[in-house]
Amino acid sequence: MGASNGAAFLQEFVNGLPFIHCDIAGTAAKSKTKRGTGVM
C-alpha cells in the first residue's frame, strides 16, 4: 500500500509524462555486519 500511495502522489507532478515509482525502502535492513551503506 505504501508504494501505491507514493506513486499516486508522484502522479500529480508528472503532467502526463510516463514514470515509474520504485519503492526501495525495504532494502534498508539492519544487520550485524557494518558497511558503508548500512543503516545508521
C-alpha atoms as a PDB file:
ATOM      1  CA  MET A   1       0.000   0.000   0.000  1.00  0.00           C
ATOM      2  CA  GLY A   2       2.870   2.408   0.660  1.00  0.00           C
ATOM      3  CA  ALA A   3       4.290   2.133  -2.861  1.00  0.00           C
ATOM      4  CA  SER A   4       0.836   2.713  -4.349  1.00  0.00           C
ATOM      5  CA  ASN A   5       0.363   5.841  -2.254  1.00  0.00           C
ATOM      6  CA  GLY A   6       3.794   7.119  -3.266  1.00  0.00           C
ATOM      7  CA  ALA A   7       3.049   6.538  -6.948  1.00  0.00           C
ATOM      8  CA  ALA A   8      -0.334   8.273  -6.670  1.00  0.00           C
ATOM      9  CA  PHE A   9       1.337  11.271  -5.023  1.00  0.00           C
ATOM     10  CA  LEU A  10       4.047  11.499  -7.701  1.00  0.00           C
ATOM     11  CA  GLN A  11       1.454  11.224 -10.472  1.00  0.00           C
ATOM     12  CA  GLU A  12       0.179  14.679  -9.509  1.00  0.00           C
ATOM     13  CA  PHE A  13       3.506  16.244 -10.570  1.00  0.00           C
ATOM     14  CA  VAL A  14       4.468  14.460 -13.814  1.00  0.00           C
ATOM     15  CA  ASN A  15       1.879  16.151 -16.079  1.00  0.00           C
ATOM     16  CA  GLY A  16       1.183  13.147 -18.337  1.00  0.00           C
ATOM     17  CA  LEU A  17       4.816  12.013 -18.622  1.00  0.00           C
ATOM     18  CA  PRO A  18       5.482   8.288 -18.285  1.00  0.00           C
ATOM     19  CA  PHE A  19       7.182   7.486 -14.981  1.00  0.00           C
ATOM     20  CA  ILE A  20       7.869   4.613 -12.630  1.00  0.00           C
ATOM     21  CA  HIS A  21       7.993   4.680  -8.839  1.00  0.00           C
ATOM     22  CA  CYS A  22      10.419   2.160  -7.316  1.00  0.00           C
ATOM     23  CA  ASP A  23       9.903   1.731  -3.590  1.00  0.00           C
ATOM     24  CA  ILE A  24      13.273   0.562  -2.241  1.00  0.00           C
ATOM     25  CA  ALA A  25      12.766   1.246   1.461  1.00  0.00           C
ATOM     26  CA  GLY A  26      12.700  -2.490   2.201  1.00  0.00           C
ATOM     27  CA  THR A  27      16.398  -2.762   1.348  1.00  0.00           C
ATOM     28  CA  ALA A  28      17.353  -0.750   4.424  1.00  0.00           C
ATOM     29  CA  ALA A  29      17.649  -3.732   6.741  1.00  0.00           C
ATOM     30  CA  LYS A  30      19.722  -3.561   9.892  1.00  0.00           C
ATOM     31  CA  SER A  31      22.303  -6.308  10.193  1.00  0.00           C
ATOM     32  CA  LYS A  32      25.234  -7.092  12.461  1.00  0.00           C
ATOM     33  CA  THR A  33      27.811  -6.520   9.726  1.00  0.00           C
ATOM     34  CA  LYS A  34      28.860  -2.909   9.322  1.00  0.00           C
ATOM     35  CA  ARG A  35      29.440  -1.483   5.877  1.00  0.00           C
ATOM     36  CA  GLY A  36      29.488   1.917   4.216  1.00  0.00           C
ATOM     37  CA  THR A  37      25.838   1.614   3.212  1.00  0.00           C
ATOM     38  CA  GLY A  38      24.459   0.258   6.492  1.00  0.00           C
ATOM     39  CA  VAL A  39      21.554   1.674   8.428  1.00  0.00           C
ATOM     40  CA  MET A  40      22.547   4.403  10.877  1.00  0.00           C
END
